[in-house]
Amino acid sequence: MTTVSPPTAPVPAQRSAGTTRLAGYRKFTAAVLHMCERDPGARAALRSGVRKDLDAVPRMHRIIAHLVPPNVTDDTQRAYYAVAAMIAEQARRQGTPADDEAEDAAREAAELGIEESQTTASTPAEDSDGGGRDYGTTLGAAFALAVINSPGRDRQMRRGTAESRLNILCKQGVTGLHRHLPASVRYLRSLDVPVDWARLLQDLVDWPRHSGRVTRRWLQDFYRRCQEDARREADKNDETDSNDVHAPAATSA
């Protein structure tokens, strides 16, 4: 008697632990975004937690306590609550008039002690998707995108400003990071720079034990993206100069 074995299902490719974690964070941030879009009351409750610690946000518990993993540390809970509050604040601000955004940006610059410059560069840079791939887009890459996409826009972030903001964040402990981060996120969003909420959540969760590793990635991503853009601009200028040299001279009639 011949026994026929059932067909074996293909084994899915193994994903890295980091990518698996990020998928879980994406579920959380997607749920928060969905609530903010359909429920103004929930959005207001979440927004009330911006820059506050866990014991000062009673309105948030009803909205997201069931979405936060149980039996995690206070620092991890605070990361979830902080990201939810920032998502809610930005959801509200999607329709904010430009004048209000300018006022907010000036206030945020004052909060961080940074003087913003509005000098316009002459050549627009190419748009970029942040290069996050399977690991999300770090805050460092978002700051780089703000610099790269600034030339030619009314609202801008110069490289020196971005470096200052990013370095201030990288020097913070947990409490300082939660205090300063919303202002920088607000400013990035006012420049239409997307923030990868899930990756930001992952980095906030990791911050208490691995802040050095997180800040290293933020800074590496920032400088790599800025350097890539500078190299593209240099190549483009070299090609333009080469075309000008080899262009036929105009002859007079």
C-alpha atoms as a PDB file:
ATOM      1  CA  MET A   1       0.000   0.000   0.000  1.00  0.00           C
ATOM      2  CA  THR A   2       1.392   3.315  -1.055  1.00  0.00           C
ATOM      3  CA  THR A   3       1.038   6.239   1.318  1.00  0.00           C
ATOM      4  CA  VAL A   4       0.702   9.644  -0.289  1.00  0.00           C
ATOM      5  CA  SER A   5       2.001  12.455   1.835  1.00  0.00           C
ATOM      6  CA  PRO A   6       0.042  15.707   1.738  1.00  0.00           C
ATOM      7  CA  PRO A   7       1.729  18.576  -0.083  1.00  0.00           C
ATOM      8  CA  THR A   8       4.007  20.567   2.133  1.00  0.00           C
ATOM      9  CA  ALA A   9       3.315  24.276   2.383  1.00  0.00           C
ATOM     10  CA  PRO A  10       6.233  26.468   1.461  1.00  0.00           C
ATOM     11  CA  VAL A  11       8.161  27.733   4.452  1.00  0.00           C
ATOM     12  CA  PRO A  12       8.014  31.526   4.600  1.00  0.00           C
ATOM     13  CA  ALA A  13      11.268  33.377   4.661  1.00  0.00           C
ATOM     14  CA  GLN A  14      12.425  34.236   8.146  1.00  0.00           C
ATOM     15  CA  ARG A  15      12.304  37.919   8.978  1.00  0.00           C
ATOM     16  CA  SER A  16      14.723  39.552  11.341  1.00  0.00           C
ATOM     17  CA  ALA A  17      13.679  40.155  14.927  1.00  0.00           C
ATOM     18  CA  GLY A  18      13.888  43.893  14.294  1.00  0.00           C
ATOM     19  CA  THR A  19      11.502  43.724  11.359  1.00  0.00           C
ATOM     20  CA  THR A  20       9.069  41.573  13.360  1.00  0.00           C
ATOM     21  CA  ARG A  21       9.110  44.096  16.194  1.00  0.00           C
ATOM     22  CA  LEU A  22       8.507  46.918  13.750  1.00  0.00           C
ATOM     23  CA  ALA A  23       5.462  45.124  12.341  1.00  0.00           C
ATOM     24  CA  GLY A  24       3.946  45.058  15.822  1.00  0.00           C
ATOM     25  CA  TYR A  25       4.612  48.754  16.291  1.00  0.00           C
ATOM     26  CA  ARG A  26       3.029  49.463  12.917  1.00  0.00           C
ATOM     27  CA  LYS A  27      -0.170  47.766  14.069  1.00  0.00           C
ATOM     28  CA  PHE A  28      -0.277  50.025  17.101  1.00  0.00           C
ATOM     29  CA  THR A  29       0.375  53.258  15.195  1.00  0.00           C
ATOM     30  CA  ALA A  30      -2.133  52.287  12.489  1.00  0.00           C
ATOM     31  CA  ALA A  31      -4.780  51.728  15.159  1.00  0.00           C
ATOM     32  CA  VAL A  32      -4.042  55.119  16.705  1.00  0.00           C
ATOM     33  CA  LEU A  33      -4.191  56.854  13.315  1.00  0.00           C
ATOM     34  CA  HIS A  34      -7.514  55.175  12.596  1.00  0.00           C
ATOM     35  CA  MET A  35      -8.981  56.331  15.909  1.00  0.00           C
ATOM     36  CA  CYS A  36      -7.758  59.881  15.377  1.00  0.00           C
ATOM     37  CA  GLU A  37      -9.328  60.035  11.925  1.00  0.00           C
ATOM     38  CA  ARG A  38     -12.767  58.795  12.959  1.00  0.00           C
ATOM     39  CA  ASP A  39     -13.133  60.002  16.565  1.00  0.00           C
ATOM     40  CA  PRO A  40     -12.378  63.660  17.424  1.00  0.00           C
ATOM     41  CA  GLY A  41     -12.954  62.902  21.102  1.00  0.00           C
ATOM     42  CA  ALA A  42     -10.332  60.172  21.112  1.00  0.00           C
ATOM     43  CA  ARG A  43      -7.951  62.438  19.218  1.00  0.00           C
ATOM     44  CA  ALA A  44      -8.402  65.203  21.806  1.00  0.00           C
ATOM     45  CA  ALA A  45      -7.848  62.765  24.666  1.00  0.00           C
ATOM     46  CA  LEU A  46      -4.627  61.450  23.118  1.00  0.00           C
ATOM     47  CA  ARG A  47      -3.420  64.926  22.266  1.00  0.00           C
ATOM     48  CA  SER A  48      -3.728  65.917  25.918  1.00  0.00           C
ATOM     49  CA  GLY A  49      -0.751  63.686  26.697  1.00  0.00           C
ATOM     50  CA  VAL A  50       1.872  65.542  24.655  1.00  0.00           C
ATOM     51  CA  ARG A  51       5.045  66.012  26.745  1.00  0.00           C
ATOM     52  CA  LYS A  52       3.457  64.494  29.860  1.00  0.00           C
ATOM     53  CA  ASP A  53       4.419  61.445  31.897  1.00  0.00           C
ATOM     54  CA  LEU A  54       2.230  58.418  32.538  1.00  0.00           C
ATOM     55  CA  ASP A  55       0.724  59.682  35.778  1.00  0.00           C
ATOM     56  CA  ALA A  56      -0.485  62.930  34.185  1.00  0.00           C
ATOM     57  CA  VAL A  57      -2.522  61.504  31.287  1.00  0.00           C
ATOM     58  CA  PRO A  58      -5.739  60.002  32.762  1.00  0.00           C
ATOM     59  CA  ARG A  59      -7.730  60.737  29.593  1.00  0.00           C
ATOM     60  CA  MET A  60      -5.446  58.586  27.460  1.00  0.00           C
ATOM     61  CA  HIS A  61      -5.923  55.323  29.346  1.00  0.00           C
ATOM     62  CA  ARG A  62      -9.449  54.726  28.081  1.00  0.00           C
ATOM     63  CA  ILE A  63      -8.292  55.145  24.503  1.00  0.00           C
ATOM     64  CA  ILE A  64      -5.082  53.138  24.249  1.00  0.00           C
ATOM     65  CA  ALA A  65      -4.463  51.143  27.436  1.00  0.00           C
ATOM     66  CA  HIS A  66      -5.804  48.022  25.713  1.00  0.00           C
ATOM     67  CA  LEU A  67      -3.352  48.523  22.825  1.00  0.00           C
ATOM     68  CA  VAL A  68      -0.240  48.698  24.998  1.00  0.00           C
ATOM     69  CA  PRO A  69       1.372  45.332  25.801  1.00  0.00           C
ATOM     70  CA  PRO A  70       0.840  44.270  29.443  1.00  0.00           C
ATOM     71  CA  ASN A  71       3.675  43.733  31.893  1.00  0.00           C
ATOM     72  CA  VAL A  72       6.108  46.105  30.196  1.00  0.00           C
ATOM     73  CA  THR A  73       8.250  48.703  31.941  1.00  0.00           C
ATOM     74  CA  ASP A  74       7.086  52.232  32.636  1.00  0.00           C
ATOM     75  CA  ASP A  75       9.573  53.548  30.077  1.00  0.00           C
ATOM     76  CA  THR A  76       8.098  51.284  27.407  1.00  0.00           C
ATOM     77  CA  GLN A  77       4.563  52.345  28.302  1.00  0.00           C
ATOM     78  CA  ARG A  78       5.639  55.972  28.117  1.00  0.00           C
ATOM     79  CA  ALA A  79       7.026  55.400  24.625  1.00  0.00           C
ATOM     80  CA  TYR A  80       3.658  54.076  23.427  1.00  0.00           C
ATOM     81  CA  TYR A  81       1.757  56.930  25.052  1.00  0.00           C
ATOM     82  CA  ALA A  82       4.153  59.583  23.742  1.00  0.00           C
ATOM     83  CA  VAL A  83       3.914  58.405  20.144  1.00  0.00           C
ATOM     84  CA  ALA A  84       0.121  58.159  20.356  1.00  0.00           C
ATOM     85  CA  ALA A  85      -0.031  61.737  21.665  1.00  0.00           C
ATOM     86  CA  MET A  86       2.205  63.043  18.870  1.00  0.00           C
ATOM     87  CA  ILE A  87       0.167  61.206  16.237  1.00  0.00           C
ATOM     88  CA  ALA A  88      -2.993  62.802  17.617  1.00  0.00           C
ATOM     89  CA  GLU A  89      -1.441  66.249  17.642  1.00  0.00           C
ATOM     90  CA  GLN A  90      -0.335  65.958  14.019  1.00  0.00           C
ATOM     91  CA  ALA A  91      -3.701  64.547  12.948  1.00  0.00           C
ATOM     92  CA  ARG A  92      -5.286  67.700  14.312  1.00  0.00           C
ATOM     93  CA  ARG A  93      -2.759  69.910  12.616  1.00  0.00           C
ATOM     94  CA  GLN A  94      -3.208  68.575   9.084  1.00  0.00           C
ATOM     95  CA  GLY A  95      -5.617  71.416   8.326  1.00  0.00           C
ATOM     96  CA  THR A  96      -3.709  74.127  10.253  1.00  0.00           C
ATOM     97  CA  PRO A  97      -3.375  77.413   8.349  1.00  0.00           C
ATOM     98  CA  ALA A  98       0.107  78.373   7.224  1.00  0.00           C
ATOM     99  CA  ASP A  99       0.243  81.435   9.522  1.00  0.00           C
ATOM    100  CA  ASP A 100      -0.459  79.277  12.561  1.00  0.00           C
ATOM    101  CA  GLU A 101       2.211  76.811  11.476  1.00  0.00           C
ATOM    102  CA  ALA A 102       4.762  79.618  11.161  1.00  0.00           C
ATOM    103  CA  GLU A 103       3.925  80.818  14.667  1.00  0.00           C
ATOM    104  CA  ASP A 104       4.233  77.265  16.014  1.00  0.00           C
ATOM    105  CA  ALA A 105       7.582  76.771  14.288  1.00  0.00           C
ATOM    106  CA  ALA A 106       8.961  79.988  15.804  1.00  0.00           C
ATOM    107  CA  ARG A 107       7.832  78.864  19.251  1.00  0.00           C
ATOM    108  CA  GLU A 108       9.424  75.456  18.760  1.00  0.00           C
ATOM    109  CA  ALA A 109      12.728  77.018  17.698  1.00  0.00           C
ATOM    110  CA  ALA A 110      12.665  79.115  20.862  1.00  0.00           C
ATOM    111  CA  GLU A 111      11.980  76.004  22.963  1.00  0.00           C
ATOM    112  CA  LEU A 112      15.135  74.355  21.625  1.00  0.00           C
ATOM    113  CA  GLY A 113      17.215  77.548  21.632  1.00  0.00           C
ATOM    114  CA  ILE A 114      17.835  77.356  17.883  1.00  0.00           C
ATOM    115  CA  GLU A 115      17.766  80.262  15.467  1.00  0.00           C
ATOM    116  CA  GLU A 116      15.983  79.242  12.264  1.00  0.00           C
ATOM    117  CA  SER A 117      17.273  80.520   8.930  1.00  0.00           C
ATOM    118  CA  GLN A 118      15.025  81.068   5.938  1.00  0.00           C
ATOM    119  CA  THR A 119      17.760  81.592   3.326  1.00  0.00           C
ATOM    120  CA  THR A 120      16.659  80.104   0.017  1.00  0.00           C
ATOM    121  CA  ALA A 121      18.999  77.815  -1.893  1.00  0.00           C
ATOM    122  CA  SER A 122      19.013  78.006  -5.668  1.00  0.00           C
ATOM    123  CA  THR A 123      18.690  74.406  -6.841  1.00  0.00           C
ATOM    124  CA  PRO A 124      15.809  72.137  -5.767  1.00  0.00           C
ATOM    125  CA  ALA A 125      16.859  68.688  -4.561  1.00  0.00           C
ATOM    126  CA  GLU A 126      15.236  65.467  -5.631  1.00  0.00           C
ATOM    127  CA  ASP A 127      12.496  64.013  -3.454  1.00  0.00           C
ATOM    128  CA  SER A 128      13.422  60.983  -1.397  1.00  0.00           C
ATOM    129  CA  ASP A 129      11.438  58.245   0.311  1.00  0.00           C
ATOM    130  CA  GLY A 130      13.757  58.058   3.345  1.00  0.00           C
ATOM    131  CA  GLY A 131      15.386  54.774   2.407  1.00  0.00           C
ATOM    132  CA  GLY A 132      13.835  52.923   5.331  1.00  0.00           C
ATOM    133  CA  ARG A 133      13.147  49.608   3.552  1.00  0.00           C
ATOM    134  CA  ASP A 134      12.248  46.853   6.012  1.00  0.00           C
ATOM    135  CA  TYR A 135      13.602  48.663   9.035  1.00  0.00           C
ATOM    136  CA  GLY A 136      11.604  51.849   8.853  1.00  0.00           C
ATOM    137  CA  THR A 137      12.856  55.397   8.479  1.00  0.00           C
ATOM    138  CA  THR A 138      14.750  56.843  11.414  1.00  0.00           C
ATOM    139  CA  LEU A 139      14.369  60.355  12.737  1.00  0.00           C
ATOM    140  CA  GLY A 140      17.851  61.100  11.390  1.00  0.00           C
ATOM    141  CA  ALA A 141      16.712  60.274   7.861  1.00  0.00           C
ATOM    142  CA  ALA A 142      13.644  62.484   8.375  1.00  0.00           C
ATOM    143  CA  PHE A 143      15.858  65.431   9.343  1.00  0.00           C
ATOM    144  CA  ALA A 144      17.990  64.810   6.265  1.00  0.00           C
ATOM    145  CA  LEU A 145      14.871  64.789   4.098  1.00  0.00           C
ATOM    146  CA  ALA A 146      13.861  68.139   5.591  1.00  0.00           C
ATOM    147  CA  VAL A 147      17.202  69.577   4.482  1.00  0.00           C
ATOM    148  CA  ILE A 148      17.208  67.935   1.056  1.00  0.00           C
ATOM    149  CA  ASN A 149      13.678  69.026   0.169  1.00  0.00           C
ATOM    150  CA  SER A 150      13.998  72.555   1.554  1.00  0.00           C
ATOM    151  CA  PRO A 151      15.518  74.479  -1.381  1.00  0.00           C
ATOM    152  CA  GLY A 152      12.872  76.380  -3.309  1.00  0.00           C
ATOM    153  CA  ARG A 153      10.213  76.083  -0.574  1.00  0.00           C
ATOM    154  CA  ASP A 154       8.710  78.823   1.570  1.00  0.00           C
ATOM    155  CA  ARG A 155       9.437  76.830   4.734  1.00  0.00           C
ATOM    156  CA  GLN A 156      12.954  75.513   5.048  1.00  0.00           C
ATOM    157  CA  MET A 157      15.413  73.726   7.299  1.00  0.00           C
ATOM    158  CA  ARG A 158      19.076  74.370   6.715  1.00  0.00           C
ATOM    159  CA  ARG A 159      21.625  71.660   7.417  1.00  0.00           C
ATOM    160  CA  GLY A 160      23.089  73.475  10.411  1.00  0.00           C
ATOM    161  CA  THR A 161      19.637  73.824  11.973  1.00  0.00           C
ATOM    162  CA  ALA A 162      18.894  70.152  11.425  1.00  0.00           C
ATOM    163  CA  GLU A 163      22.232  69.134  12.934  1.00  0.00           C
ATOM    164  CA  SER A 164      21.593  71.293  15.994  1.00  0.00           C
ATOM    165  CA  ARG A 165      18.125  69.891  16.566  1.00  0.00           C
ATOM    166  CA  LEU A 166      19.244  66.313  16.060  1.00  0.00           C
ATOM    167  CA  ASN A 167      22.261  66.652  18.328  1.00  0.00           C
ATOM    168  CA  ILE A 168      20.143  68.161  21.094  1.00  0.00           C
ATOM    169  CA  LEU A 169      17.832  65.149  20.941  1.00  0.00           C
ATOM    170  CA  CYS A 170      20.748  62.708  20.896  1.00  0.00           C
ATOM    171  CA  LYS A 171      22.142  64.135  24.141  1.00  0.00           C
ATOM    172  CA  GLN A 172      18.934  63.628  26.126  1.00  0.00           C
ATOM    173  CA  GLY A 173      18.021  61.070  28.751  1.00  0.00           C
ATOM    174  CA  VAL A 174      14.544  59.569  28.701  1.00  0.00           C
ATOM    175  CA  THR A 175      12.829  62.537  30.369  1.00  0.00           C
ATOM    176  CA  GLY A 176      14.636  65.121  28.268  1.00  0.00           C
ATOM    177  CA  LEU A 177      13.904  63.266  25.045  1.00  0.00           C
ATOM    178  CA  HIS A 178      10.176  63.140  25.780  1.00  0.00           C
ATOM    179  CA  ARG A 179      10.260  66.854  26.586  1.00  0.00           C
ATOM    180  CA  HIS A 180      12.079  67.967  23.413  1.00  0.00           C
ATOM    181  CA  LEU A 181      10.869  65.444  20.832  1.00  0.00           C
ATOM    182  CA  PRO A 182       7.338  66.799  20.158  1.00  0.00           C
ATOM    183  CA  ALA A 183       8.713  70.183  19.101  1.00  0.00           C
ATOM    184  CA  SER A 184      11.034  68.631  16.524  1.00  0.00           C
ATOM    185  CA  VAL A 185       8.322  66.320  15.222  1.00  0.00           C
ATOM    186  CA  ARG A 186       5.991  69.302  14.933  1.00  0.00           C
ATOM    187  CA  TYR A 187       8.566  71.193  12.935  1.00  0.00           C
ATOM    188  CA  LEU A 188       9.264  68.282  10.598  1.00  0.00           C
ATOM    189  CA  ARG A 189       5.555  67.866   9.900  1.00  0.00           C
ATOM    190  CA  SER A 190       5.181  71.617   9.254  1.00  0.00           C
ATOM    191  CA  LEU A 191       7.749  71.083   6.478  1.00  0.00           C
ATOM    192  CA  ASP A 192       5.663  68.186   5.091  1.00  0.00           C
ATOM    193  CA  VAL A 193       8.331  65.663   6.081  1.00  0.00           C
ATOM    194  CA  PRO A 194       6.775  62.274   6.919  1.00  0.00           C
ATOM    195  CA  VAL A 195       7.561  60.739  10.297  1.00  0.00           C
ATOM    196  CA  ASP A 196       7.768  56.964  10.558  1.00  0.00           C
ATOM    197  CA  TRP A 197       5.767  56.590  13.767  1.00  0.00           C
ATOM    198  CA  ALA A 198       6.469  52.870  14.137  1.00  0.00           C
ATOM    199  CA  ARG A 199      10.235  53.289  13.842  1.00  0.00           C
ATOM    200  CA  LEU A 200      10.101  56.238  16.225  1.00  0.00           C
ATOM    201  CA  LEU A 201       8.199  54.079  18.716  1.00  0.00           C
ATOM    202  CA  GLN A 202      10.786  51.320  18.415  1.00  0.00           C
ATOM    203  CA  ASP A 203      13.595  53.788  19.047  1.00  0.00           C
ATOM    204  CA  LEU A 204      11.825  55.269  22.085  1.00  0.00           C
ATOM    205  CA  VAL A 205      11.288  51.790  23.512  1.00  0.00           C
ATOM    206  CA  ASP A 206      15.000  51.057  23.038  1.00  0.00           C
ATOM    207  CA  TRP A 207      16.213  54.411  24.364  1.00  0.00           C
ATOM    208  CA  PRO A 208      16.593  53.609  28.102  1.00  0.00           C
ATOM    209  CA  ARG A 209      19.009  50.728  27.469  1.00  0.00           C
ATOM    210  CA  HIS A 210      20.376  51.442  23.981  1.00  0.00           C
ATOM    211  CA  SER A 211      20.305  55.206  23.473  1.00  0.00           C
ATOM    212  CA  GLY A 212      23.871  55.122  22.157  1.00  0.00           C
ATOM    213  CA  ARG A 213      22.955  52.678  19.425  1.00  0.00           C
ATOM    214  CA  VAL A 214      19.796  54.606  18.533  1.00  0.00           C
ATOM    215  CA  THR A 215      21.571  57.957  18.320  1.00  0.00           C
ATOM    216  CA  ARG A 216      24.374  56.397  16.274  1.00  0.00           C
ATOM    217  CA  ARG A 217      21.805  55.252  13.702  1.00  0.00           C
ATOM    218  CA  TRP A 218      20.042  58.611  13.698  1.00  0.00           C
ATOM    219  CA  LEU A 219      23.289  60.481  13.057  1.00  0.00           C
ATOM    220  CA  GLN A 220      24.582  57.957  10.509  1.00  0.00           C
ATOM    221  CA  ASP A 221      21.324  58.085   8.559  1.00  0.00           C
ATOM    222  CA  PHE A 222      21.333  61.891   8.620  1.00  0.00           C
ATOM    223  CA  TYR A 223      24.892  62.279   7.340  1.00  0.00           C
ATOM    224  CA  ARG A 224      24.633  59.449   4.813  1.00  0.00           C
ATOM    225  CA  ARG A 225      21.497  60.928   3.242  1.00  0.00           C
ATOM    226  CA  CYS A 226      22.939  64.434   3.177  1.00  0.00           C
ATOM    227  CA  GLN A 227      26.166  63.139   1.614  1.00  0.00           C
ATOM    228  CA  GLU A 228      24.259  61.126  -0.991  1.00  0.00           C
ATOM    229  CA  ASP A 229      22.306  64.229  -1.960  1.00  0.00           C
ATOM    230  CA  ALA A 230      25.494  66.334  -2.142  1.00  0.00           C
ATOM    231  CA  ARG A 231      27.113  63.700  -4.359  1.00  0.00           C
ATOM    232  CA  ARG A 232      24.089  63.660  -6.678  1.00  0.00           C
ATOM    233  CA  GLU A 233      24.175  67.438  -6.926  1.00  0.00           C
ATOM    234  CA  ALA A 234      27.916  67.382  -7.670  1.00  0.00           C
ATOM    235  CA  ASP A 235      27.447  64.756 -10.386  1.00  0.00           C
ATOM    236  CA  LYS A 236      24.618  66.784 -11.869  1.00  0.00           C
ATOM    237  CA  ASN A 237      26.751  69.946 -11.924  1.00  0.00           C
ATOM    238  CA  ASP A 238      29.700  68.070 -13.462  1.00  0.00           C
ATOM    239  CA  GLU A 239      27.439  66.749 -16.207  1.00  0.00           C
ATOM    240  CA  THR A 240      26.090  70.247 -16.878  1.00  0.00           C
ATOM    241  CA  ASP A 241      29.613  71.705 -17.054  1.00  0.00           C
ATOM    242  CA  SER A 242      30.700  68.918 -19.401  1.00  0.00           C
ATOM    243  CA  ASN A 243      27.771  69.585 -21.717  1.00  0.00           C
ATOM    244  CA  ASP A 244      28.564  73.292 -21.755  1.00  0.00           C
ATOM    245  CA  VAL A 245      32.219  72.608 -22.692  1.00  0.00           C
ATOM    246  CA  HIS A 246      31.319  70.318 -25.568  1.00  0.00           C
ATOM    247  CA  ALA A 247      28.453  72.395 -26.885  1.00  0.00           C
ATOM    248  CA  PRO A 248      29.136  73.762 -30.400  1.00  0.00           C
ATOM    249  CA  ALA A 249      29.955  77.438 -30.482  1.00  0.00           C
ATOM    250  CA  ALA A 250      27.411  79.665 -32.141  1.00  0.00           C
ATOM    251  CA  THR A 251      28.527  81.042 -35.535  1.00  0.00           C
ATOM    252  CA  SER A 252      27.720  84.514 -36.682  1.00  0.00           C
ATOM    253  CA  ALA A 253      25.791  84.942 -39.909  1.00  0.00           C
END
